[in-house]
């Protein structure tokens, strides 16, 4: 049931089937609102780090493209002379403590996305369910850091933030219900308090209308060249894979995003979708013995070592564009960090 629910949230013909969960959704929504109010009035304590904190999060359960946006933001900050660090909950990892993450970290301990961030970003990455402690540990170990980017954490009110970015993918908010009857962690009314919305896919009218007062940006994930999954310094393009028997694996929030990207590159393949943050075992990849395996970077950090045959990874980079006449996303972020209203 837990694995099927995410698919049902985005299928209109299954709305009626989810009605029995509505009372639980109402209770969930009430508890979320109560918790938020307790932080707002000071009954629950929140913490402010000594450097600015930028939260990249979402209102829905599941991946929407936050990690590529975090990498884009960190790269832009570094190019402008900032010294950023990254904190994350480490979802999918088994550790309860605060951990520094490097390229050789154990994925089962720190989580797949933090390990990917550590390998791609070139900046300090710390994980912990207690995000204030993770931020404090990062700054203690790297006092040169002057800004922290939080991968997820929009609903983690224990940690005060300077700026909030919300990411939606092309699925929008599905049926618009709160958990467990729908994918929403919080209502769309939460958009009244964020600073910008980033669309990883075509905007959905319902969300775009709720965010009409906000700057909205389009994010495209661009990648055309594959790299060897085994870590060897080899690469190839899509033309070198055409005509071969290909298997595509994706265990991300919306696996179809990856499959559409491969189709856009002109590849014909058999698709193998898995749940987000799936803990792969060798048996899950048995099909890979018969052909060439293609996968996302997020999947590669977990299952690259499980593949004995030929396997390739498609790295992607985020490209952000603004609406005509609107300041760019990074300029908007800089204005907020400097305490000014964006032009």
Protein backbone atom coordinates (compact mmCIF):
# COMPACT_ATOMS: atom_id res chain seq x y z
CA UNK A 1 0.00 0.00 0.00
CA UNK A 2 2.78 2.44 0.94
CA UNK A 3 4.44 1.90 -2.44
CA UNK A 4 1.20 2.25 -4.40
CA UNK A 5 -0.10 5.41 -2.75
CA UNK A 6 2.32 7.85 -4.47
CA UNK A 7 1.14 6.64 -7.86
CA UNK A 8 -2.52 6.95 -6.89
CA UNK A 9 -2.11 10.58 -5.78
CA UNK A 10 -1.50 11.65 -9.37
CA UNK A 11 -4.25 9.61 -11.07
CA UNK A 12 -7.64 11.32 -11.32
CA UNK A 13 -9.63 8.13 -11.71
CA UNK A 14 -8.43 6.92 -8.29
CA UNK A 15 -9.64 9.96 -6.33
CA UNK A 16 -12.67 8.09 -4.98
CA UNK A 17 -10.48 5.19 -3.83
CA UNK A 18 -8.59 7.60 -1.57
CA UNK A 19 -11.66 9.03 0.18
CA UNK A 20 -11.32 6.65 3.19
CA UNK A 21 -8.01 8.38 3.94
CA UNK A 22 -9.50 11.87 4.08
CA UNK A 23 -10.11 11.87 7.86
CA UNK A 24 -6.44 11.04 8.37
CA UNK A 25 -5.53 13.89 6.01
CA UNK A 26 -7.61 16.33 8.05
CA UNK A 27 -5.91 15.21 11.25
CA UNK A 28 -2.49 15.46 9.59
CA UNK A 29 -3.25 18.98 8.33
CA UNK A 30 -4.42 20.08 11.78
CA UNK A 31 -1.29 18.70 13.46
CA UNK A 32 0.98 20.40 10.91
CA UNK A 33 -0.79 23.72 11.44
CA UNK A 34 -0.61 23.34 15.23
CA UNK A 35 3.10 22.54 15.13
CA UNK A 36 3.79 25.52 12.89
CA UNK A 37 1.81 27.82 15.20
CA UNK A 38 3.75 26.57 18.24
CA UNK A 39 7.01 27.52 16.55
CA UNK A 40 5.57 30.87 15.48
CA UNK A 41 4.49 31.82 18.99
CA UNK A 42 7.72 30.56 20.58
CA UNK A 43 6.26 27.61 22.48
CA UNK A 44 8.65 25.43 20.48
CA UNK A 45 12.19 26.71 20.19
CA UNK A 46 13.85 27.45 16.89
CA UNK A 47 17.51 28.21 16.22
CA UNK A 48 19.29 30.72 13.99
CA UNK A 49 22.73 29.93 12.64
CA UNK A 50 25.33 32.72 12.55
CA UNK A 51 25.34 32.66 8.72
CA UNK A 52 22.47 32.95 6.22
CA UNK A 53 20.51 29.78 5.49
CA UNK A 54 18.82 29.07 2.15
CA UNK A 55 16.24 26.27 2.18
CA UNK A 56 15.52 24.41 -1.05
CA UNK A 57 12.40 22.38 -0.38
CA UNK A 58 9.00 21.30 -1.62
CA UNK A 59 5.42 21.02 -0.45
CA UNK A 60 4.97 17.49 -1.75
CA UNK A 61 6.37 14.12 -0.78
CA UNK A 62 8.97 12.67 -3.12
CA UNK A 63 11.70 14.11 -5.28
CA UNK A 64 10.94 17.12 -7.45
CA UNK A 65 14.44 18.16 -8.49
CA UNK A 66 15.79 19.79 -5.33
CA UNK A 67 19.26 18.23 -5.52
CA UNK A 68 20.14 19.61 -9.00
CA UNK A 69 18.90 23.02 -7.85
CA UNK A 70 21.10 22.85 -4.74
CA UNK A 71 24.11 22.03 -6.93
CA UNK A 72 23.28 24.93 -9.25
CA UNK A 73 22.94 27.34 -6.32
CA UNK A 74 26.19 26.22 -4.70
CA UNK A 75 28.03 26.62 -8.00
CA UNK A 76 26.64 30.15 -8.46
CA UNK A 77 27.54 31.12 -4.91
CA UNK A 78 31.11 29.90 -5.32
CA UNK A 79 31.48 31.79 -8.60
CA UNK A 80 30.46 34.99 -6.78
CA UNK A 81 33.01 34.49 -4.01
CA UNK A 82 30.78 32.93 -1.34
CA UNK A 83 31.94 29.90 0.64
CA UNK A 84 28.83 27.70 0.98
CA UNK A 85 28.19 24.49 2.86
CA UNK A 86 25.30 22.04 2.57
CA UNK A 87 23.18 20.35 5.22
CA UNK A 88 20.64 17.58 4.69
CA UNK A 89 18.55 15.20 6.75
CA UNK A 90 20.21 12.26 5.04
CA UNK A 91 16.95 10.58 4.04
CA UNK A 92 17.45 6.89 3.35
CA UNK A 93 20.49 6.68 5.60
CA UNK A 94 20.55 4.74 8.84
CA UNK A 95 22.56 7.14 10.98
CA UNK A 96 20.90 9.07 13.81
CA UNK A 97 23.88 11.31 14.55
CA UNK A 98 25.39 14.23 12.66
CA UNK A 99 27.89 13.07 10.06
CA UNK A 100 30.25 14.79 7.63
CA UNK A 101 29.86 13.40 4.13
CA UNK A 102 32.69 12.91 1.68
CA UNK A 103 32.94 11.15 -1.66
CA UNK A 104 33.84 7.85 0.02
CA UNK A 105 31.02 7.89 2.59
CA UNK A 106 28.75 4.89 3.15
CA UNK A 107 25.52 5.58 1.28
CA UNK A 108 23.52 3.34 3.63
CA UNK A 109 24.63 5.56 6.52
CA UNK A 110 24.37 9.09 5.06
CA UNK A 111 21.74 8.69 2.31
CA UNK A 112 21.89 8.82 -1.46
CA UNK A 113 21.32 12.54 -2.10
CA UNK A 114 23.93 13.79 0.43
CA UNK A 115 26.51 11.44 -1.06
CA UNK A 116 25.71 12.74 -4.54
CA UNK A 117 25.98 16.32 -3.27
CA UNK A 118 29.35 15.59 -1.67
CA UNK A 119 30.68 14.10 -4.90
CA UNK A 120 29.41 16.88 -7.16
CA UNK A 121 29.45 20.10 -5.14
CA UNK A 122 33.03 20.45 -3.92
CA UNK A 123 31.82 22.00 -0.64
CA UNK A 124 31.36 20.62 2.91
CA UNK A 125 28.25 18.46 3.35
CA UNK A 126 26.85 17.43 6.75
CA UNK A 127 23.79 15.28 7.45
CA UNK A 128 21.62 14.86 10.51
CA UNK A 129 17.99 14.59 11.49
CA UNK A 130 18.71 17.47 13.86
CA UNK A 131 19.41 20.15 11.28
CA UNK A 132 20.45 22.86 13.75
CA UNK A 133 23.09 20.45 15.07
CA UNK A 134 24.16 19.62 11.52
CA UNK A 135 24.57 23.30 10.71
CA UNK A 136 26.51 23.97 13.90
CA UNK A 137 28.79 20.99 13.27
CA UNK A 138 29.45 22.13 9.72
CA UNK A 139 30.41 25.63 10.85
CA UNK A 140 32.59 24.28 13.66
CA UNK A 141 34.50 22.10 11.19
CA UNK A 142 34.52 24.72 8.41
CA UNK A 143 34.44 28.22 9.96
CA UNK A 144 35.21 29.71 6.55
CA UNK A 145 31.66 28.92 5.36
CA UNK A 146 29.56 32.08 5.11
CA UNK A 147 26.26 30.64 3.84
CA UNK A 148 24.51 27.28 4.23
CA UNK A 149 22.16 25.65 1.75
CA UNK A 150 19.67 23.14 3.16
CA UNK A 151 18.70 20.33 0.82
CA UNK A 152 15.03 19.95 1.82
CA UNK A 153 13.91 21.13 5.26
CA UNK A 154 11.06 23.45 4.32
CA UNK A 155 8.99 21.93 7.14
CA UNK A 156 11.91 21.75 9.61
CA UNK A 157 10.95 24.79 11.66
CA UNK A 158 13.54 24.20 14.36
CA UNK A 159 15.97 25.94 12.03
CA UNK A 160 15.32 29.56 11.07
CA UNK A 161 16.01 30.49 7.49
CA UNK A 162 16.88 33.58 5.45
CA UNK A 163 15.32 32.43 2.19
CA UNK A 164 12.99 29.67 0.99
CA UNK A 165 12.82 28.22 -2.53
CA UNK A 166 10.08 25.73 -3.38
CA UNK A 167 10.47 23.25 -6.23
CA UNK A 168 7.60 21.61 -8.14
CA UNK A 169 7.93 19.11 -10.94
CA UNK A 170 5.50 18.58 -13.80
CA UNK A 171 3.19 16.52 -11.60
CA UNK A 172 2.26 19.59 -9.57
CA UNK A 173 0.35 18.67 -6.41
CA UNK A 174 -1.57 15.72 -7.84
CA UNK A 175 -5.03 15.53 -6.29
CA UNK A 176 -4.21 18.46 -3.99
CA UNK A 177 -4.85 16.48 -0.79
CA UNK A 178 -2.62 16.35 2.27
CA UNK A 179 -0.94 13.16 3.41
CA UNK A 180 -1.90 10.32 3.34
CA UNK A 181 -4.76 10.95 0.86
CA UNK A 182 -2.50 13.09 -1.32
CA UNK A 183 1.12 14.19 -1.73
CA UNK A 184 0.97 17.52 0.13
CA UNK A 185 3.01 18.00 3.29
CA UNK A 186 1.45 21.45 3.74
CA UNK A 187 -1.35 23.31 1.98
CA UNK A 188 -0.73 25.59 -0.99
CA UNK A 189 -1.33 28.49 1.39
CA UNK A 190 2.25 27.93 2.58
CA UNK A 191 3.39 29.59 -0.66
CA UNK A 192 2.38 32.93 0.84
CA UNK A 193 5.58 32.81 2.93
CA UNK A 194 8.21 31.51 0.50
CA UNK A 195 10.48 33.63 -1.69
CA UNK A 196 10.35 31.94 -5.10
CA UNK A 197 8.97 28.92 -6.95
CA UNK A 198 11.06 26.84 -9.34
CA UNK A 199 9.35 24.63 -11.92
CA UNK A 200 11.11 21.43 -12.96
CA UNK A 201 8.62 20.75 -15.74
CA UNK A 202 5.53 22.42 -17.13
CA UNK A 203 3.74 24.60 -14.54
CA UNK A 204 0.36 23.39 -13.30
CA UNK A 205 -2.33 26.07 -13.29
CA UNK A 206 -3.52 25.34 -9.77
CA UNK A 207 -0.08 25.87 -8.28
CA UNK A 208 0.88 28.70 -10.62
CA UNK A 209 -2.24 30.59 -9.55
CA UNK A 210 -1.46 30.06 -5.86
CA UNK A 211 2.08 31.35 -6.47
CA UNK A 212 1.15 34.22 -8.80
CA UNK A 213 2.50 36.78 -6.30
CA UNK A 214 5.92 35.10 -6.34
CA UNK A 215 8.83 35.11 -8.79
CA UNK A 216 8.58 31.85 -10.76
CA UNK A 217 11.43 30.24 -12.67
CA UNK A 218 11.85 27.36 -15.09
CA UNK A 219 14.47 24.69 -14.43
CA UNK A 220 15.67 22.31 -17.13
CA UNK A 221 17.96 19.39 -16.39
CA UNK A 222 20.52 19.16 -19.16
CA UNK A 223 22.76 16.17 -19.80
CA UNK A 224 23.92 14.55 -23.01
CA UNK A 225 27.08 12.61 -22.20
CA UNK A 226 27.20 9.40 -20.16
CA UNK A 227 30.01 8.43 -17.78
CA UNK A 228 31.02 4.92 -16.70
CA UNK A 229 29.19 3.74 -13.57
CA UNK A 230 32.26 1.87 -12.31
CA UNK A 231 34.20 5.07 -11.77
CA UNK A 232 36.53 4.59 -14.73
CA UNK A 233 37.40 7.76 -16.60
CA UNK A 234 35.33 6.81 -19.63
CA UNK A 235 32.39 8.52 -21.30
CA UNK A 236 30.18 8.11 -24.34
CA UNK A 237 27.33 9.90 -26.08
CA UNK A 238 23.88 8.65 -26.99
CA UNK A 239 24.86 7.81 -30.57
CA UNK A 240 27.32 5.21 -29.30
CA UNK A 241 24.49 3.46 -27.42
CA UNK A 242 21.91 3.40 -30.18
CA UNK A 243 21.07 0.00 -31.60
CA UNK A 244 22.11 -1.83 -28.44
CA UNK A 245 19.87 -3.55 -25.90
CA UNK A 246 19.39 -0.94 -23.19
CA UNK A 247 17.83 -1.06 -19.73
CA UNK A 248 17.04 2.25 -17.99
CA UNK A 249 16.78 2.30 -14.20
CA UNK A 250 15.36 5.19 -12.15
CA UNK A 251 14.51 5.30 -8.46
CA UNK A 252 13.67 9.00 -8.17
CA UNK A 253 10.52 10.95 -7.34
CA UNK A 254 9.25 10.77 -10.93
CA UNK A 255 11.15 8.07 -12.87
CA UNK A 256 9.43 9.13 -16.06
CA UNK A 257 11.48 12.34 -16.02
CA UNK A 258 14.62 10.30 -16.61
CA UNK A 259 12.98 8.08 -19.18
CA UNK A 260 11.73 11.10 -21.16
CA UNK A 261 15.23 12.54 -21.11
CA UNK A 262 16.64 9.33 -22.59
CA UNK A 263 13.91 9.31 -25.25
CA UNK A 264 14.81 12.91 -26.13
CA UNK A 265 18.35 11.66 -26.76
CA UNK A 266 16.93 9.20 -29.29
CA UNK A 267 17.44 6.05 -27.22
CA UNK A 268 15.21 2.98 -27.25
CA UNK A 269 15.23 1.08 -23.95
CA UNK A 270 13.29 -1.03 -21.48
CA UNK A 271 12.26 1.10 -18.48
CA UNK A 272 12.65 -0.13 -14.89
CA UNK A 273 11.08 2.36 -12.43
CA UNK A 274 11.67 2.01 -8.68
CA UNK A 275 10.38 3.98 -5.67
CA UNK A 276 12.28 7.08 -4.62
CA UNK A 277 15.29 6.28 -2.38
CA UNK A 278 14.92 2.57 -3.13
CA UNK A 279 17.54 0.47 -1.28
CA UNK A 280 18.79 -1.64 -4.17
CA UNK A 281 19.85 -5.26 -3.87
CA UNK A 282 21.62 -7.37 -6.44
CA UNK A 283 18.37 -9.21 -7.22
CA UNK A 284 16.75 -5.90 -8.26
CA UNK A 285 19.28 -5.56 -11.04
CA UNK A 286 19.18 -9.08 -12.43
CA UNK A 287 17.86 -7.74 -15.74
CA UNK A 288 21.11 -5.79 -16.22
CA UNK A 289 23.02 -8.96 -17.10
CA UNK A 290 21.22 -8.95 -20.43
CA UNK A 291 22.22 -5.66 -22.01
CA UNK A 292 23.55 -2.23 -21.07
CA UNK A 293 22.28 -0.42 -17.97
CA UNK A 294 21.56 3.33 -17.93
CA UNK A 295 20.87 5.10 -14.64
CA UNK A 296 20.64 8.43 -12.86
CA UNK A 297 23.43 9.80 -10.69
CA UNK A 298 21.27 9.35 -7.62
CA UNK A 299 20.82 5.65 -8.39
CA UNK A 300 24.48 5.17 -9.24
CA UNK A 301 25.68 6.09 -5.74
CA UNK A 302 23.62 3.17 -4.39
CA UNK A 303 23.76 0.45 -7.00
CA UNK A 304 26.80 1.17 -9.15
CA UNK A 305 28.82 -1.43 -7.22
CA UNK A 306 26.08 -4.05 -7.67
CA UNK A 307 26.39 -4.09 -11.45
CA UNK A 308 28.92 -6.44 -12.98
CA UNK A 309 28.16 -5.66 -16.62
CA UNK A 310 28.30 -2.50 -18.70
CA UNK A 311 26.57 0.45 -17.04
CA UNK A 312 26.46 4.17 -17.73
CA UNK A 313 25.33 7.18 -15.71
CA UNK A 314 23.83 10.37 -17.13
CA UNK A 315 24.99 13.41 -15.11
CA UNK A 316 22.69 16.42 -15.39
CA UNK A 317 23.04 20.10 -14.62
CA UNK A 318 20.25 22.56 -13.88
CA UNK A 319 19.63 25.48 -16.23
CA UNK A 320 17.41 28.19 -14.71
CA UNK A 321 15.51 30.76 -16.76
CA UNK A 322 13.34 33.66 -15.63
CA UNK A 323 10.17 35.05 -17.10
CA UNK A 324 10.62 38.04 -19.47
CA UNK A 325 11.29 41.26 -17.59
CA UNK A 326 11.98 39.42 -14.32
CA UNK A 327 15.27 39.33 -12.43
CA UNK A 328 17.14 36.03 -12.56
CA UNK A 329 16.85 33.52 -9.71
CA UNK A 330 20.38 34.00 -8.45
CA UNK A 331 20.02 37.79 -8.51
CA UNK A 332 16.80 37.38 -6.51
CA UNK A 333 18.63 35.19 -4.00
CA UNK A 334 21.53 37.63 -3.67
CA UNK A 335 19.18 40.53 -3.02
CA UNK A 336 17.51 38.57 -0.24
CA UNK A 337 20.83 37.51 1.28
CA UNK A 338 21.95 41.14 1.30
CA UNK A 339 18.68 42.18 2.94
CA UNK A 340 17.24 44.08 -0.01
CA UNK A 341 13.97 43.71 -1.89
CA UNK A 342 14.56 42.18 -5.35
CA UNK A 343 14.28 44.68 -8.19
